[in-house]
Amino acid sequence: MANYLDGYGKDHCSHCNKNRTPEGHDGCIGTLPNVMNACCAHGEDSVAYVQFDHKDYNSEPNKILLQGQEALAYIKNVKL
């Protein structure tokens, strides 16, 4: 299993080998509306996360953090 920080500080994700977007987001994540921070976990699904920049979002009021598979599903369904 790869280290989930392999892509940190690089122009591309070492796991998916995609370059960062022009805005600086990980290429495999893209742009996520209303998200402050996110990580695809670079192959270690259990450490994936999405941290929202507001206190609620449409389907789960007051939830500000998704982790693991829930985060990966959100990234897949919402990325622009």
PDB file of N, CA and C in Angstrom:
ATOM      1  N   MET A   1       0.845  -1.181   0.000  1.00  0.00           N
ATOM      2  CA  MET A   1       0.000   0.000   0.000  1.00  0.00           C
ATOM      3  C   MET A   1       0.889   1.243   0.000  1.00  0.00           C
ATOM      4  N   ALA A   2       0.509   2.208  -0.793  1.00  0.00           N
ATOM      5  CA  ALA A   2       1.295   3.440  -0.902  1.00  0.00           C
ATOM      6  C   ALA A   2       1.064   4.339   0.304  1.00  0.00           C
ATOM      7  N   ASN A   3       2.020   5.194   0.547  1.00  0.00           N
ATOM      8  CA  ASN A   3       1.862   6.199   1.597  1.00  0.00           C
ATOM      9  C   ASN A   3       0.891   7.257   1.089  1.00  0.00           C
ATOM     10  N   TYR A   4      -0.144   7.589   1.870  1.00  0.00           N
ATOM     11  CA  TYR A   4      -1.155   8.533   1.393  1.00  0.00           C
ATOM     12  C   TYR A   4      -0.626   9.947   1.240  1.00  0.00           C
ATOM     13  N   LEU A   5       0.576  10.228   1.687  1.00  0.00           N
ATOM     14  CA  LEU A   5       1.160  11.556   1.521  1.00  0.00           C
ATOM     15  C   LEU A   5       2.108  11.635   0.329  1.00  0.00           C
ATOM     16  N   ASP A   6       2.207  10.574  -0.466  1.00  0.00           N
ATOM     17  CA  ASP A   6       3.132  10.574  -1.596  1.00  0.00           C
ATOM     18  C   ASP A   6       2.943  11.763  -2.534  1.00  0.00           C
ATOM     19  N   GLY A   7       1.710  12.233  -2.706  1.00  0.00           N
ATOM     20  CA  GLY A   7       1.449  13.323  -3.634  1.00  0.00           C
ATOM     21  C   GLY A   7       1.597  14.698  -3.027  1.00  0.00           C
ATOM     22  N   TYR A   8       1.828  14.788  -1.733  1.00  0.00           N
ATOM     23  CA  TYR A   8       1.874  16.081  -1.048  1.00  0.00           C
ATOM     24  C   TYR A   8       2.993  16.950  -1.597  1.00  0.00           C
ATOM     25  N   GLY A   9       2.664  18.174  -1.974  1.00  0.00           N
ATOM     26  CA  GLY A   9       3.661  19.137  -2.427  1.00  0.00           C
ATOM     27  C   GLY A   9       4.165  18.904  -3.839  1.00  0.00           C
ATOM     28  N   LYS A  10       3.557  17.983  -4.552  1.00  0.00           N
ATOM     29  CA  LYS A  10       3.984  17.696  -5.915  1.00  0.00           C
ATOM     30  C   LYS A  10       2.953  18.237  -6.897  1.00  0.00           C
ATOM     31  N   ASP A  11       3.321  18.278  -8.175  1.00  0.00           N
ATOM     32  CA  ASP A  11       2.401  18.755  -9.203  1.00  0.00           C
ATOM     33  C   ASP A  11       1.402  17.693  -9.634  1.00  0.00           C
ATOM     34  N   HIS A  12       1.572  16.478  -9.145  1.00  0.00           N
ATOM     35  CA  HIS A  12       0.650  15.403  -9.515  1.00  0.00           C
ATOM     36  C   HIS A  12       0.463  14.446  -8.340  1.00  0.00           C
ATOM     37  N   CYS A  13      -0.599  13.681  -8.407  1.00  0.00           N
ATOM     38  CA  CYS A  13      -0.870  12.643  -7.407  1.00  0.00           C
ATOM     39  C   CYS A  13      -0.092  11.392  -7.808  1.00  0.00           C
ATOM     40  N   SER A  14       0.721  10.873  -6.931  1.00  0.00           N
ATOM     41  CA  SER A  14       1.530   9.693  -7.241  1.00  0.00           C
ATOM     42  C   SER A  14       0.680   8.441  -7.414  1.00  0.00           C
ATOM     43  N   HIS A  15      -0.516   8.432  -6.850  1.00  0.00           N
ATOM     44  CA  HIS A  15      -1.388   7.256  -6.963  1.00  0.00           C
ATOM     45  C   HIS A  15      -2.117   7.233  -8.308  1.00  0.00           C
ATOM     46  N   CYS A  16      -2.792   8.329  -8.664  1.00  0.00           N
ATOM     47  CA  CYS A  16      -3.568   8.347  -9.914  1.00  0.00           C
ATOM     48  C   CYS A  16      -2.772   8.940 -11.073  1.00  0.00           C
ATOM     49  N   ASN A  17      -1.650   9.589 -10.762  1.00  0.00           N
ATOM     50  CA  ASN A  17      -0.757  10.192 -11.748  1.00  0.00           C
ATOM     51  C   ASN A  17      -1.406  11.329 -12.541  1.00  0.00           C
ATOM     52  N   LYS A  18      -2.415  11.986 -11.943  1.00  0.00           N
ATOM     53  CA  LYS A  18      -3.039  13.140 -12.586  1.00  0.00           C
ATOM     54  C   LYS A  18      -2.405  14.419 -12.043  1.00  0.00           C
ATOM     55  N   ASN A  19      -2.248  15.406 -12.929  1.00  0.00           N
ATOM     56  CA  ASN A  19      -1.694  16.700 -12.527  1.00  0.00           C
ATOM     57  C   ASN A  19      -2.722  17.509 -11.751  1.00  0.00           C
ATOM     58  N   ARG A  20      -2.232  18.460 -10.972  1.00  0.00           N
ATOM     59  CA  ARG A  20      -3.122  19.370 -10.246  1.00  0.00           C
ATOM     60  C   ARG A  20      -3.913  20.216 -11.246  1.00  0.00           C
ATOM     61  N   THR A  21      -5.079  20.679 -10.816  1.00  0.00           N
ATOM     62  CA  THR A  21      -5.877  21.581 -11.646  1.00  0.00           C
ATOM     63  C   THR A  21      -5.209  22.956 -11.652  1.00  0.00           C
ATOM     64  N   PRO A  22      -5.591  23.846 -12.568  1.00  0.00           N
ATOM     65  CA  PRO A  22      -5.019  25.203 -12.562  1.00  0.00           C
ATOM     66  C   PRO A  22      -5.233  25.928 -11.232  1.00  0.00           C
ATOM     67  N   GLU A  23      -6.308  25.555 -10.494  1.00  0.00           N
ATOM     68  CA  GLU A  23      -6.582  26.172  -9.195  1.00  0.00           C
ATOM     69  C   GLU A  23      -5.742  25.566  -8.073  1.00  0.00           C
ATOM     70  N   GLY A  24      -5.017  24.470  -8.372  1.00  0.00           N
ATOM     71  CA  GLY A  24      -4.164  23.839  -7.374  1.00  0.00           C
ATOM     72  C   GLY A  24      -4.763  22.638  -6.674  1.00  0.00           C
ATOM     73  N   HIS A  25      -5.949  22.195  -7.120  1.00  0.00           N
ATOM     74  CA  HIS A  25      -6.579  21.029  -6.509  1.00  0.00           C
ATOM     75  C   HIS A  25      -5.965  19.749  -7.063  1.00  0.00           C
ATOM     76  N   ASP A  26      -6.022  18.669  -6.283  1.00  0.00           N
ATOM     77  CA  ASP A  26      -5.571  17.371  -6.784  1.00  0.00           C
ATOM     78  C   ASP A  26      -6.390  17.013  -8.018  1.00  0.00           C
ATOM     79  N   GLY A  27      -5.726  16.540  -9.065  1.00  0.00           N
ATOM     80  CA  GLY A  27      -6.408  16.220 -10.317  1.00  0.00           C
ATOM     81  C   GLY A  27      -7.478  15.160 -10.179  1.00  0.00           C
ATOM     82  N   CYS A  28      -7.269  14.207  -9.288  1.00  0.00           N
ATOM     83  CA  CYS A  28      -8.250  13.133  -9.106  1.00  0.00           C
ATOM     84  C   CYS A  28      -9.472  13.603  -8.333  1.00  0.00           C
ATOM     85  N   ILE A  29      -9.361  14.748  -7.642  1.00  0.00           N
ATOM     86  CA  ILE A  29     -10.493  15.297  -6.899  1.00  0.00           C
ATOM     87  C   ILE A  29     -11.192  16.379  -7.703  1.00  0.00           C
ATOM     88  N   GLY A  30     -10.435  17.231  -8.362  1.00  0.00           N
ATOM     89  CA  GLY A  30     -11.032  18.341  -9.082  1.00  0.00           C
ATOM     90  C   GLY A  30     -11.513  19.410  -8.124  1.00  0.00           C
ATOM     91  N   THR A  31     -12.515  20.164  -8.540  1.00  0.00           N
ATOM     92  CA  THR A  31     -13.075  21.226  -7.711  1.00  0.00           C
ATOM     93  C   THR A  31     -14.336  20.722  -7.030  1.00  0.00           C
ATOM     94  N   LEU A  32     -14.417  20.889  -5.720  1.00  0.00           N
ATOM     95  CA  LEU A  32     -15.582  20.485  -4.932  1.00  0.00           C
ATOM     96  C   LEU A  32     -16.205  21.738  -4.327  1.00  0.00           C
ATOM     97  N   PRO A  33     -17.432  22.078  -4.712  1.00  0.00           N
ATOM     98  CA  PRO A  33     -18.071  23.278  -4.172  1.00  0.00           C
ATOM     99  C   PRO A  33     -18.230  23.207  -2.653  1.00  0.00           C
ATOM    100  N   ASN A  34     -18.015  24.319  -1.992  1.00  0.00           N
ATOM    101  CA  ASN A  34     -18.199  24.443  -0.536  1.00  0.00           C
ATOM    102  C   ASN A  34     -17.304  23.523   0.287  1.00  0.00           C
ATOM    103  N   VAL A  35     -16.152  23.141  -0.262  1.00  0.00           N
ATOM    104  CA  VAL A  35     -15.213  22.269   0.447  1.00  0.00           C
ATOM    105  C   VAL A  35     -13.956  23.063   0.763  1.00  0.00           C
ATOM    106  N   MET A  36     -13.509  22.964   2.009  1.00  0.00           N
ATOM    107  CA  MET A  36     -12.300  23.650   2.451  1.00  0.00           C
ATOM    108  C   MET A  36     -11.064  22.802   2.162  1.00  0.00           C
ATOM    109  N   ASN A  37     -11.117  21.508   2.500  1.00  0.00           N
ATOM    110  CA  ASN A  37      -9.998  20.584   2.311  1.00  0.00           C
ATOM    111  C   ASN A  37     -10.545  19.226   1.906  1.00  0.00           C
ATOM    112  N   ALA A  38      -9.755  18.506   1.110  1.00  0.00           N
ATOM    113  CA  ALA A  38     -10.139  17.146   0.742  1.00  0.00           C
ATOM    114  C   ALA A  38      -8.893  16.373   0.352  1.00  0.00           C
ATOM    115  N   CYS A  39      -8.952  15.062   0.530  1.00  0.00           N
ATOM    116  CA  CYS A  39      -7.849  14.188   0.135  1.00  0.00           C
ATOM    117  C   CYS A  39      -8.427  12.887  -0.387  1.00  0.00           C
ATOM    118  N   CYS A  40      -7.934  12.432  -1.531  1.00  0.00           N
ATOM    119  CA  CYS A  40      -8.391  11.168  -2.110  1.00  0.00           C
ATOM    120  C   CYS A  40      -7.745   9.983  -1.413  1.00  0.00           C
ATOM    121  N   ALA A  41      -6.771  10.229  -0.568  1.00  0.00           N
ATOM    122  CA  ALA A  41      -6.036   9.235   0.211  1.00  0.00           C
ATOM    123  C   ALA A  41      -4.992   8.489  -0.611  1.00  0.00           C
ATOM    124  N   HIS A  42      -4.848   8.836  -1.855  1.00  0.00           N
ATOM    125  CA  HIS A  42      -3.799   8.271  -2.707  1.00  0.00           C
ATOM    126  C   HIS A  42      -3.726   6.752  -2.621  1.00  0.00           C
ATOM    127  N   GLY A  43      -4.893   6.089  -2.620  1.00  0.00           N
ATOM    128  CA  GLY A  43      -4.947   4.633  -2.612  1.00  0.00           C
ATOM    129  C   GLY A  43      -5.232   4.008  -1.267  1.00  0.00           C
ATOM    130  N   GLU A  44      -5.171   4.755  -0.191  1.00  0.00           N
ATOM    131  CA  GLU A  44      -5.489   4.235   1.148  1.00  0.00           C
ATOM    132  C   GLU A  44      -6.858   4.778   1.550  1.00  0.00           C
ATOM    133  N   ASP A  45      -7.905   4.141   1.028  1.00  0.00           N
ATOM    134  CA  ASP A  45      -9.267   4.659   1.126  1.00  0.00           C
ATOM    135  C   ASP A  45      -9.704   5.053   2.531  1.00  0.00           C
ATOM    136  N   SER A  46      -9.226   4.369   3.535  1.00  0.00           N
ATOM    137  CA  SER A  46      -9.691   4.638   4.903  1.00  0.00           C
ATOM    138  C   SER A  46      -9.293   6.020   5.411  1.00  0.00           C
ATOM    139  N   VAL A  47      -8.309   6.662   4.788  1.00  0.00           N
ATOM    140  CA  VAL A  47      -7.879   7.983   5.252  1.00  0.00           C
ATOM    141  C   VAL A  47      -8.362   9.123   4.352  1.00  0.00           C
ATOM    142  N   ALA A  48      -9.201   8.815   3.374  1.00  0.00           N
ATOM    143  CA  ALA A  48      -9.788   9.865   2.534  1.00  0.00           C
ATOM    144  C   ALA A  48     -10.677  10.751   3.394  1.00  0.00           C
ATOM    145  N   TYR A  49     -10.764  12.033   3.033  1.00  0.00           N
ATOM    146  CA  TYR A  49     -11.661  12.921   3.777  1.00  0.00           C
ATOM    147  C   TYR A  49     -12.113  14.090   2.914  1.00  0.00           C
ATOM    148  N   VAL A  50     -13.246  14.666   3.306  1.00  0.00           N
ATOM    149  CA  VAL A  50     -13.761  15.907   2.739  1.00  0.00           C
ATOM    150  C   VAL A  50     -14.184  16.763   3.918  1.00  0.00           C
ATOM    151  N   GLN A  51     -13.633  17.971   4.020  1.00  0.00           N
ATOM    152  CA  GLN A  51     -13.979  18.893   5.098  1.00  0.00           C
ATOM    153  C   GLN A  51     -14.676  20.101   4.477  1.00  0.00           C
ATOM    154  N   PHE A  52     -15.922  20.320   4.873  1.00  0.00           N
ATOM    155  CA  PHE A  52     -16.723  21.400   4.308  1.00  0.00           C
ATOM    156  C   PHE A  52     -16.366  22.736   4.939  1.00  0.00           C
ATOM    157  N   ASP A  53     -16.568  23.810   4.172  1.00  0.00           N
ATOM    158  CA  ASP A  53     -16.246  25.145   4.669  1.00  0.00           C
ATOM    159  C   ASP A  53     -17.473  25.863   5.221  1.00  0.00           C
ATOM    160  N   HIS A  54     -18.512  25.117   5.533  1.00  0.00           N
ATOM    161  CA  HIS A  54     -19.701  25.672   6.161  1.00  0.00           C
ATOM    162  C   HIS A  54     -20.262  24.633   7.121  1.00  0.00           C
ATOM    163  N   LYS A  55     -21.213  25.010   7.942  1.00  0.00           N
ATOM    164  CA  LYS A  55     -21.680  24.114   9.001  1.00  0.00           C
ATOM    165  C   LYS A  55     -22.700  23.090   8.550  1.00  0.00           C
ATOM    166  N   ASP A  56     -23.225  23.246   7.347  1.00  0.00           N
ATOM    167  CA  ASP A  56     -24.145  22.230   6.860  1.00  0.00           C
ATOM    168  C   ASP A  56     -24.111  22.169   5.347  1.00  0.00           C
ATOM    169  N   TYR A  57     -24.646  21.110   4.821  1.00  0.00           N
ATOM    170  CA  TYR A  57     -24.811  21.002   3.381  1.00  0.00           C
ATOM    171  C   TYR A  57     -26.110  20.249   3.129  1.00  0.00           C
ATOM    172  N   ASN A  58     -26.545  20.208   1.918  1.00  0.00           N
ATOM    173  CA  ASN A  58     -27.907  19.794   1.565  1.00  0.00           C
ATOM    174  C   ASN A  58     -28.451  18.565   2.277  1.00  0.00           C
ATOM    175  N   SER A  59     -27.750  17.465   2.274  1.00  0.00           N
ATOM    176  CA  SER A  59     -28.357  16.225   2.759  1.00  0.00           C
ATOM    177  C   SER A  59     -28.088  15.890   4.216  1.00  0.00           C
ATOM    178  N   GLU A  60     -27.083  16.469   4.841  1.00  0.00           N
ATOM    179  CA  GLU A  60     -26.754  16.110   6.218  1.00  0.00           C
ATOM    180  C   GLU A  60     -26.433  17.357   7.035  1.00  0.00           C
ATOM    181  N   PRO A  61     -27.450  17.998   7.598  1.00  0.00           N
ATOM    182  CA  PRO A  61     -27.212  19.222   8.370  1.00  0.00           C
ATOM    183  C   PRO A  61     -26.182  19.020   9.476  1.00  0.00           C
ATOM    184  N   ASN A  62     -25.355  20.012   9.651  1.00  0.00           N
ATOM    185  CA  ASN A  62     -24.336  20.071  10.706  1.00  0.00           C
ATOM    186  C   ASN A  62     -23.186  19.085  10.536  1.00  0.00           C
ATOM    187  N   LYS A  63     -23.131  18.354   9.451  1.00  0.00           N
ATOM    188  CA  LYS A  63     -21.999  17.461   9.224  1.00  0.00           C
ATOM    189  C   LYS A  63     -20.938  18.246   8.459  1.00  0.00           C
ATOM    190  N   ILE A  64     -19.747  18.347   9.019  1.00  0.00           N
ATOM    191  CA  ILE A  64     -18.704  19.133   8.358  1.00  0.00           C
ATOM    192  C   ILE A  64     -17.541  18.280   7.871  1.00  0.00           C
ATOM    193  N   LEU A  65     -17.568  16.962   8.124  1.00  0.00           N
ATOM    194  CA  LEU A  65     -16.466  16.100   7.719  1.00  0.00           C
ATOM    195  C   LEU A  65     -16.993  14.749   7.260  1.00  0.00           C
ATOM    196  N   LEU A  66     -16.529  14.313   6.086  1.00  0.00           N
ATOM    197  CA  LEU A  66     -16.792  12.960   5.600  1.00  0.00           C
ATOM    198  C   LEU A  66     -15.458  12.233   5.587  1.00  0.00           C
ATOM    199  N   GLN A  67     -15.469  10.936   5.866  1.00  0.00           N
ATOM    200  CA  GLN A  67     -14.225  10.167   5.885  1.00  0.00           C
ATOM    201  C   GLN A  67     -14.391   8.848   5.144  1.00  0.00           C
ATOM    202  N   GLY A  68     -13.260   8.267   4.726  1.00  0.00           N
ATOM    203  CA  GLY A  68     -13.229   6.951   4.109  1.00  0.00           C
ATOM    204  C   GLY A  68     -14.089   6.850   2.860  1.00  0.00           C
ATOM    205  N   GLN A  69     -14.824   5.742   2.744  1.00  0.00           N
ATOM    206  CA  GLN A  69     -15.641   5.477   1.563  1.00  0.00           C
ATOM    207  C   GLN A  69     -16.706   6.548   1.340  1.00  0.00           C
ATOM    208  N   GLU A  70     -17.249   7.096   2.426  1.00  0.00           N
ATOM    209  CA  GLU A  70     -18.256   8.151   2.298  1.00  0.00           C
ATOM    210  C   GLU A  70     -17.647   9.380   1.612  1.00  0.00           C
ATOM    211  N   ALA A  71     -16.418   9.716   1.966  1.00  0.00           N
ATOM    212  CA  ALA A  71     -15.726  10.848   1.336  1.00  0.00           C
ATOM    213  C   ALA A  71     -15.448  10.566  -0.136  1.00  0.00           C
ATOM    214  N   LEU A  72     -14.979   9.365  -0.441  1.00  0.00           N
ATOM    215  CA  LEU A  72     -14.679   9.022  -1.833  1.00  0.00           C
ATOM    216  C   LEU A  72     -15.934   9.045  -2.694  1.00  0.00           C
ATOM    217  N   ALA A  73     -17.055   8.567  -2.159  1.00  0.00           N
ATOM    218  CA  ALA A  73     -18.319   8.598  -2.898  1.00  0.00           C
ATOM    219  C   ALA A  73     -18.747  10.041  -3.162  1.00  0.00           C
ATOM    220  N   TYR A  74     -18.585  10.897  -2.161  1.00  0.00           N
ATOM    221  CA  TYR A  74     -18.937  12.313  -2.321  1.00  0.00           C
ATOM    222  C   TYR A  74     -18.072  12.952  -3.407  1.00  0.00           C
ATOM    223  N   ILE A  75     -16.772  12.704  -3.364  1.00  0.00           N
ATOM    224  CA  ILE A  75     -15.852  13.255  -4.367  1.00  0.00           C
ATOM    225  C   ILE A  75     -16.280  12.810  -5.766  1.00  0.00           C
ATOM    226  N   LYS A  76     -16.559  11.530  -5.927  1.00  0.00           N
ATOM    227  CA  LYS A  76     -16.937  10.978  -7.231  1.00  0.00           C
ATOM    228  C   LYS A  76     -18.212  11.624  -7.764  1.00  0.00           C
ATOM    229  N   ASN A  77     -19.178  11.846  -6.893  1.00  0.00           N
ATOM    230  CA  ASN A  77     -20.483  12.349  -7.316  1.00  0.00           C
ATOM    231  C   ASN A  77     -20.561  13.859  -7.477  1.00  0.00           C
ATOM    232  N   VAL A  78     -19.645  14.611  -6.848  1.00  0.00           N
ATOM    233  CA  VAL A  78     -19.794  16.065  -6.799  1.00  0.00           C
ATOM    234  C   VAL A  78     -18.707  16.823  -7.565  1.00  0.00           C
ATOM    235  N   LYS A  79     -17.557  16.212  -7.815  1.00  0.00           N
ATOM    236  CA  LYS A  79     -16.452  16.974  -8.412  1.00  0.00           C
ATOM    237  C   LYS A  79     -16.854  17.599  -9.744  1.00  0.00           C
ATOM    238  N   LEU A  80     -16.343  18.795  -9.956  1.00  0.00           N
ATOM    239  CA  LEU A  80     -16.637  19.538 -11.190  1.00  0.00           C
ATOM    240  C   LEU A  80     -15.577  19.262 -12.233  1.00  0.00           C
TER     241      LEU A  80
END
